[in-house]
Protein backbone atom coordinates (compact mmCIF):
# COMPACT_ATOMS: atom_id res chain seq x y z
CA MET A 1 102.37 89.08 56.65
CA SER A 2 100.46 92.23 56.81
CA GLN A 3 101.20 95.18 54.60
CA LEU A 4 102.96 97.22 57.43
CA ASP A 5 105.31 94.41 58.14
CA GLN A 6 106.12 94.20 54.40
CA ASP A 7 106.81 97.89 54.38
CA GLU A 8 109.14 97.69 57.28
CA LEU A 9 111.17 94.97 55.86
CA ALA A 10 111.36 96.69 52.38
CA GLY A 11 112.77 99.80 53.84
CA CYS A 12 115.18 97.80 56.09
CA ASN A 13 119.02 97.37 54.93
CA PRO A 14 120.64 94.72 56.99
CA ASP A 15 123.95 96.01 56.00
CA ARG A 16 123.36 99.41 56.90
CA ALA A 17 121.53 98.35 60.48
CA PHE A 18 124.74 96.32 61.23
CA ALA A 19 127.16 99.26 60.11
CA ALA A 20 125.28 101.51 62.66
CA LEU A 21 125.48 98.85 65.44
CA LEU A 22 129.14 97.99 65.22
CA PRO A 23 130.50 101.22 66.72
CA ARG A 24 128.32 100.76 69.61
CA LEU A 25 129.86 97.41 70.43
CA GLY A 26 133.33 98.54 70.62
CA PRO A 27 136.44 97.31 69.40
CA GLN A 28 136.11 93.60 68.49
CA GLU A 29 139.01 91.08 68.68
CA THR A 30 139.55 88.77 65.65
CA ARG A 31 139.97 85.10 65.96
CA SER A 32 143.58 85.04 65.09
CA GLY A 33 143.86 87.53 68.21
CA VAL A 34 142.30 85.21 70.44
CA LEU A 35 144.30 82.24 69.27
CA ALA A 36 147.58 84.31 69.88
CA ARG A 37 146.55 85.30 73.47
CA TRP A 38 145.78 81.44 74.22
CA ARG A 39 149.41 80.64 72.71
CA GLY A 40 150.97 83.27 74.92
CA ALA A 41 149.26 81.90 77.73
CA LEU A 42 150.39 78.27 77.20
CA ALA A 43 153.61 79.35 76.41
CA ALA A 44 154.27 81.19 79.65
CA ASN A 45 152.57 78.22 81.66
CA SER A 46 154.52 75.47 79.67
CA ALA A 47 156.59 74.64 82.52
CA TRP A 48 153.47 74.21 84.87
CA LEU A 49 151.66 72.38 82.02
CA ARG A 50 154.57 70.00 81.91
CA TRP A 51 154.62 69.18 85.42
CA THR A 52 150.90 68.72 85.52
CA ALA A 53 151.05 66.19 82.55
CA LEU A 54 153.98 64.29 84.19
CA ALA A 55 152.04 64.02 87.61
CA GLN A 56 148.82 62.63 85.85
CA LEU A 57 151.09 59.91 84.10
CA LEU A 58 152.51 59.10 87.29
CA THR A 59 149.19 58.59 88.81
CA ILE A 60 147.95 56.33 86.08
CA GLY A 61 150.90 54.27 86.12
CA VAL A 62 150.64 53.94 90.09
CA LEU A 63 147.06 52.96 89.66
CA ALA A 64 147.54 50.47 86.90
CA ALA A 65 150.57 48.82 88.99
CA MET A 66 147.95 48.41 91.91
CA LEU A 67 145.40 47.00 89.75
CA SER A 68 147.55 44.35 88.26
CA ARG A 69 148.49 42.93 91.93
CA THR A 70 144.93 42.30 92.91
CA GLU A 71 143.40 38.85 92.55
CA PRO A 72 142.13 38.20 89.05
CA HIS A 73 138.71 37.17 90.46
CA SER A 74 138.30 39.47 93.37
CA TYR A 75 134.84 40.90 92.15
CA ARG A 76 131.83 38.84 91.96
CA ALA A 77 128.46 39.96 91.17
CA LEU A 78 125.56 39.58 93.51
CA GLY A 79 123.81 36.80 91.16
CA ALA A 80 127.18 34.93 90.72
CA THR A 81 127.03 31.46 92.61
CA ALA A 82 129.96 30.70 94.90
CA LYS A 83 131.81 27.71 93.66
CA ALA A 84 132.22 26.23 97.18
CA ASN A 85 132.47 22.46 97.68
CA GLY A 86 129.61 21.27 99.57
CA ASP A 87 129.57 18.49 102.06
CA ALA A 88 126.04 17.15 101.56
CA VAL A 89 122.89 17.56 99.58
CA VAL A 90 119.36 17.53 101.03
CA MET A 91 115.82 17.85 99.39
CA PHE A 92 112.66 18.73 101.27
CA LYS A 93 109.19 17.89 100.59
CA PRO A 94 107.64 20.35 98.51
CA ASP A 95 104.95 21.25 101.05
CA THR A 96 107.91 22.21 103.68
CA SER A 97 107.64 25.88 104.78
CA GLU A 98 110.68 28.01 104.74
CA ARG A 99 110.28 28.43 108.44
CA ASP A 100 110.57 24.67 108.90
CA MET A 101 113.67 24.32 106.55
CA ARG A 102 115.51 26.80 108.62
CA ARG A 103 114.44 25.05 111.74
CA ILE A 104 115.81 21.71 110.30
CA LEU A 105 119.11 23.11 109.10
CA GLN A 106 119.65 25.15 112.39
CA ALA A 107 119.11 22.09 114.52
CA SER A 108 121.69 20.14 112.30
CA GLY A 109 124.12 22.90 112.26
CA ALA A 110 123.98 22.81 108.52
CA ARG A 111 124.27 25.77 106.26
CA ILE A 112 123.08 26.48 102.74
CA ILE A 113 125.77 27.32 100.44
CA ASP A 114 124.08 26.82 97.04
CA GLY A 115 120.42 25.91 95.67
CA PRO A 116 117.86 25.19 94.97
CA THR A 117 119.13 23.27 92.04
CA VAL A 118 117.03 22.24 89.23
CA THR A 119 115.87 19.30 91.03
CA ASP A 120 114.98 21.32 94.06
CA ALA A 121 118.09 20.24 95.91
CA TYR A 122 120.34 22.24 98.44
CA ILE A 123 123.76 21.87 98.90
CA LEU A 124 124.78 22.41 102.32
CA ALA A 125 128.00 22.92 104.52
CA LEU A 126 128.35 20.69 107.57
CA PRO A 127 129.95 21.85 110.79
CA ASP A 128 133.38 20.31 111.22
CA GLY A 129 133.75 17.11 113.42
CA THR A 130 129.86 16.51 113.65
CA ALA A 131 129.08 15.85 110.18
CA LYS A 132 128.06 12.34 110.99
CA ALA A 133 125.67 13.75 113.54
CA ALA A 134 124.30 16.37 111.43
CA MET A 135 123.30 13.65 108.57
CA ALA A 136 121.60 11.51 111.31
CA ARG A 137 119.57 14.65 112.41
CA LEU A 138 118.79 15.46 108.71
CA ASP A 139 117.70 11.86 107.99
CA ALA A 140 115.33 11.86 111.06
CA GLU A 141 113.42 14.57 109.79
CA SER A 142 109.91 13.88 108.19
CA ALA A 143 110.32 16.84 105.90
CA VAL A 144 113.68 15.72 104.39
CA THR A 145 113.18 13.53 101.47
CA LEU A 146 116.84 13.02 100.56
CA ALA A 147 119.96 13.60 102.59
CA ARG A 148 123.22 12.37 101.29
CA PRO A 149 126.79 13.17 101.84
CA LEU A 150 128.61 14.40 98.63
CA ALA A 151 132.09 12.98 99.54
CA ALA A 152 133.13 9.50 99.85
CA GLN A 153 134.03 9.68 103.39
CA GLU A 154 132.35 12.21 105.71
CA ARG A 155 134.21 14.41 108.05
């Protein structure tokens, strides 16, 4: 600090400076005065506050009742697999393109519902009434290495 700064600080009395500033600020409200004003406002609006609290509780109750009526497993994340039962399992040669797989499945009317599994197999849903014909089309494809129904009897 310079000599000038030290001289200014030595001559400054903070209490005297605050006392000189206080009249210019005007009347100050004490903390108890602020609390009293809030209590008065709450007392004047107590009926309104009670109705507001009651409305909030009723809203929460209605929402809780609505949520308890929904299916317990109605939400499923995007990465969760569907636990649908498939009709057949199919495996393709490793060099089969995705385009060829799509062509083969569309020609047989099959739809992939799960997969690929650890063994690179796909679980298929077959069209109702034509499952035997769809299995025959899948077996006839050279890119298909395995096509088997999952049920003992085909539909």
